[in-house]
Protein backbone atom coordinates (compact mmCIF):
# COMPACT_ATOMS: atom_id res chain seq x y z
CA MET A 1 -17.27 -7.83 -11.50
CA ARG A 2 -15.94 -4.46 -13.06
CA LEU A 3 -15.39 -1.00 -11.57
CA THR A 4 -15.81 1.11 -12.72
CA SER A 5 -15.08 4.21 -10.59
CA SER A 6 -11.46 5.24 -9.90
CA SER A 7 -12.49 7.96 -7.43
CA PRO A 8 -12.24 7.94 -3.10
CA LEU A 9 -15.17 5.51 -3.27
CA SER A 10 -12.73 2.56 -5.05
CA LEU A 11 -11.31 1.00 -2.24
CA ALA A 12 -14.80 0.53 -0.40
CA ARG A 13 -15.37 -0.70 -4.40
CA LEU A 14 -12.53 -3.20 -4.17
CA ALA A 15 -13.30 -4.19 -0.96
CA MET A 16 -16.74 -5.86 -1.69
CA ALA A 17 -14.92 -7.01 -5.37
CA ALA A 18 -12.34 -8.80 -2.28
CA ALA A 19 -15.40 -9.73 -0.27
CA VAL A 20 -17.76 -11.27 -3.06
CA ALA A 21 -14.79 -12.96 -5.10
CA LEU A 22 -13.92 -14.50 -1.30
CA GLY A 23 -17.38 -16.09 -1.45
CA LEU A 24 -17.27 -17.99 -4.82
CA SER A 25 -15.25 -21.87 -5.21
CA ALA A 26 -12.27 -22.05 -6.04
CA CYS A 27 -13.77 -24.42 -8.85
CA GLY A 28 -13.06 -22.34 -11.63
CA SER A 29 -14.49 -18.85 -10.05
CA PHE A 30 -11.44 -16.71 -11.28
CA SER A 31 -10.88 -19.58 -14.77
CA SER A 32 -12.56 -16.56 -16.60
CA TYR A 33 -10.11 -13.84 -15.62
CA PRO A 34 -6.88 -12.94 -17.99
CA PRO A 35 -3.18 -13.84 -16.68
CA ALA A 36 -1.91 -10.95 -14.62
CA PRO A 37 0.82 -8.79 -17.03
CA THR A 38 4.61 -10.12 -15.83
CA HIS A 39 4.94 -5.82 -16.08
CA ALA A 40 4.59 -3.19 -14.21
CA ASP A 41 4.37 0.04 -15.16
CA THR A 42 5.50 2.04 -12.84
CA PRO A 43 7.35 5.64 -13.28
CA ASP A 44 9.42 6.47 -10.09
CA GLN A 45 7.42 7.27 -7.39
CA LEU A 46 8.53 9.80 -4.39
CA TYR A 47 7.24 9.00 -0.60
CA LYS A 48 4.72 10.42 0.31
CA ILE A 49 3.25 10.06 3.95
CA GLY A 50 0.22 8.66 4.95
CA ALA A 51 -1.62 8.45 8.69
CA MET A 52 0.69 6.00 11.12
CA ASP A 53 3.95 6.87 10.08
CA THR A 54 6.47 7.87 12.49
CA LEU A 55 8.53 11.30 11.78
CA SER A 56 11.57 12.58 12.52
CA VAL A 57 10.90 16.30 11.90
CA VAL A 58 14.01 18.40 12.75
CA VAL A 59 15.07 21.35 12.74
CA TRP A 60 18.09 23.41 12.59
CA ARG A 61 20.30 25.35 15.42
CA ASN A 62 16.63 24.56 16.89
CA PRO A 63 17.04 21.14 19.31
CA ASP A 64 13.55 23.20 20.68
CA LEU A 65 11.41 22.85 18.34
CA SER A 66 12.32 19.38 16.90
CA ALA A 67 10.74 15.83 17.63
CA ASN A 68 9.70 12.75 16.73
CA ILE A 69 6.20 12.10 15.84
CA THR A 70 3.72 9.69 14.40
CA VAL A 71 1.47 10.77 12.30
CA ARG A 72 -2.10 11.18 13.10
CA PRO A 73 -5.39 9.23 12.51
CA ASP A 74 -6.68 11.78 10.64
CA GLY A 75 -3.46 12.11 8.10
CA ARG A 76 -1.83 15.13 10.81
CA ILE A 77 0.71 16.27 13.00
CA SER A 78 1.57 19.29 16.16
CA LEU A 79 4.58 20.10 17.49
CA PRO A 80 5.78 23.28 18.75
CA LEU A 81 4.84 26.07 17.73
CA VAL A 82 2.93 24.09 14.55
CA GLU A 83 -0.11 22.78 15.31
CA ASN A 84 -2.81 20.50 13.25
CA ILE A 85 -0.63 20.96 10.19
CA MET A 86 -1.22 18.35 7.28
CA ALA A 87 0.84 15.28 6.93
CA ALA A 88 -0.44 12.74 4.96
CA GLY A 89 -0.05 12.44 0.51
CA LYS A 90 2.71 15.03 0.86
CA GLN A 91 6.69 14.30 -0.36
CA PRO A 92 7.96 15.30 2.88
CA ALA A 93 9.99 17.77 1.10
CA ASP A 94 6.89 19.88 0.18
CA LEU A 95 6.59 18.94 4.50
CA SER A 96 9.75 20.41 5.31
CA ARG A 97 9.12 23.20 2.99
CA GLU A 98 5.29 23.60 4.95
CA ILE A 99 7.32 23.54 8.07
CA GLU A 100 8.92 26.57 7.57
CA ALA A 101 6.11 28.48 6.39
CA ALA A 102 4.79 28.54 9.59
CA LEU A 103 7.39 28.09 11.70
CA VAL A 104 9.30 31.93 9.82
CA LYS A 105 7.34 32.80 12.40
CA TYR A 106 8.47 32.46 14.71
CA ILE A 107 12.50 32.54 14.18
CA ARG A 108 14.41 34.01 11.40
CA GLU A 109 14.62 31.10 8.41
CA PRO A 110 13.97 27.63 9.34
CA VAL A 111 15.67 24.72 7.91
CA VAL A 112 13.93 21.49 8.44
CA THR A 113 14.20 18.26 7.91
CA VAL A 114 11.40 15.35 7.53
CA ILE A 115 12.67 11.92 7.76
CA VAL A 116 10.36 8.91 8.11
CA ASN A 117 11.60 5.85 10.37
CA ASN A 118 8.49 3.88 9.66
CA PHE A 119 6.75 3.16 6.74
CA GLN A 120 2.67 2.75 5.69
CA GLY A 121 2.86 5.54 2.94
CA ILE A 122 -1.09 6.97 1.48
CA SER A 123 -3.91 4.08 2.26
CA THR A 124 -4.80 4.41 -1.38
CA GLU A 125 -1.78 3.31 -2.62
CA GLN A 126 -1.09 0.04 -0.11
CA ILE A 127 -1.00 -3.36 -1.66
CA ARG A 128 -3.72 -5.97 0.40
CA ILE A 129 -3.65 -9.46 0.10
CA VAL A 130 -6.70 -11.20 1.67
CA GLY A 131 -8.88 -13.78 2.49
CA GLU A 132 -5.76 -17.63 2.98
CA ALA A 133 -3.00 -15.62 3.86
CA THR A 134 -1.20 -16.85 6.50
CA LYS A 135 -0.56 -13.18 7.38
CA PRO A 136 -3.18 -10.97 5.75
CA GLN A 137 -2.21 -7.66 5.85
CA ALA A 138 -2.00 -4.25 4.04
CA VAL A 139 1.77 -3.11 3.07
CA PRO A 140 3.23 -0.84 1.41
CA PHE A 141 4.21 -0.24 -1.67
CA ARG A 142 8.14 0.01 -2.80
CA GLN A 143 9.63 1.03 -6.29
CA ASN A 144 9.35 -2.64 -7.73
CA MET A 145 8.16 -4.56 -5.92
CA THR A 146 7.02 -8.03 -7.75
CA LEU A 147 4.31 -11.04 -5.39
CA LEU A 148 6.64 -12.28 -4.47
CA ASP A 149 8.30 -9.70 -2.17
CA VAL A 150 3.82 -9.39 -0.70
CA MET A 151 4.38 -13.20 -0.71
CA ILE A 152 7.14 -13.49 1.72
CA GLN A 153 5.19 -10.72 3.46
CA ALA A 154 2.20 -13.01 4.64
CA GLY A 155 4.56 -14.93 5.34
CA GLY A 156 2.97 -17.80 2.53
CA LEU A 157 -0.26 -19.83 2.48
CA THR A 158 -2.75 -21.02 4.45
CA ASP A 159 -2.35 -24.64 4.52
CA TYR A 160 -6.63 -24.38 2.72
CA ALA A 161 -5.43 -22.17 -0.28
CA ASP A 162 -6.36 -22.39 -3.62
CA GLY A 163 -3.17 -20.42 -4.53
CA ASN A 164 -3.98 -21.11 -7.90
CA GLY A 165 -7.24 -19.42 -8.00
CA ALA A 166 -6.00 -16.38 -6.72
CA VAL A 167 -6.92 -13.20 -8.40
CA LEU A 168 -5.47 -9.84 -8.42
CA VAL A 169 -7.98 -6.26 -8.38
CA ARG A 170 -5.51 -4.15 -9.58
CA GLY A 171 -7.11 -0.38 -8.68
CA SER A 172 -4.74 1.46 -11.64
CA GLU A 173 -6.78 -0.68 -13.53
CA LYS A 174 -10.33 0.53 -12.82
CA GLY A 175 -10.75 -2.60 -11.22
CA LYS A 176 -10.08 -4.99 -13.51
CA GLN A 177 -9.33 -8.46 -12.56
CA TYR A 178 -7.05 -10.73 -13.38
CA SER A 179 -5.82 -14.92 -12.26
CA ILE A 180 -2.72 -15.42 -10.63
CA ARG A 181 -0.27 -18.36 -10.01
CA LEU A 182 0.44 -18.29 -6.35
CA LYS A 183 0.59 -22.48 -6.09
CA ASP A 184 2.84 -21.85 -8.88
CA LEU A 185 5.06 -19.40 -6.81
CA LEU A 186 5.45 -20.09 -3.75
CA LYS A 187 4.96 -24.82 -3.31
CA ARG A 188 7.03 -25.40 -6.89
CA GLY A 189 9.21 -22.41 -7.32
CA ASP A 190 7.66 -21.33 -10.77
CA ILE A 191 9.63 -17.17 -11.22
CA SER A 192 8.34 -17.02 -14.45
CA ALA A 193 4.34 -17.21 -12.04
CA ASN A 194 6.08 -13.87 -9.76
CA ILE A 195 4.98 -10.77 -11.69
CA GLU A 196 5.34 -6.77 -10.44
CA ILE A 197 3.02 -4.71 -7.87
CA LYS A 198 1.55 -1.23 -8.78
CA PRO A 199 0.22 0.95 -5.58
CA GLY A 200 -2.35 0.09 -4.45
CA ASP A 201 -3.32 -4.12 -6.02
CA ILE A 202 -5.32 -6.74 -4.33
CA ILE A 203 -4.32 -9.53 -3.46
CA ILE A 204 -6.89 -12.39 -3.10
CA VAL A 205 -6.32 -16.42 -2.25
CA PRO A 206 -9.48 -17.79 -1.65
CA GLN A 207 -10.14 -21.45 0.01
CA SER A 208 -9.74 -24.19 -1.83
CA TRP A 209 -13.02 -26.34 -1.23
CA PHE A 210 -11.02 -30.17 -2.01
């Protein structure tokens, strides 16, 4: 299966690909996919705030206007004197400047600092692990993240996993699919099976039928 869209509908299509892949037998179902490249070109990325991130908003010399706040599911936050400002998808420094612009009507030369305390990241950049991982989940992407890093967070494989039949769906390449060797990496310590991860990757771990 190949996905052709990089639009916001891509996540839904990637999820559909994951569901289809999980329903396939592990007996050679993924053998036609090329092995995932070891290295992924990921330029340095400045963190973008995501829904459910926890922020500390500090307004210098105005503690009454400062707050610790969680970004709502709609991506917005509300602060004293500043209501319903969009935070998701913005870098902390950019959000700081927007809050300053909103506060300038009330205080002179406001100085705002936004600090991210609990990271989720924007959904399109999260790494998703589905299927026979011990703890299927979505994890925030971080620079230089590898497949081993992701699988440690997912708790490894279940006893029913076909680790070497796993697939990586690369959203940044319009849903191109690659084979990955999780069993070799996690059970046999084969570091050559470790690869670099890109934002938006989906890791699909099918069930073994033997």
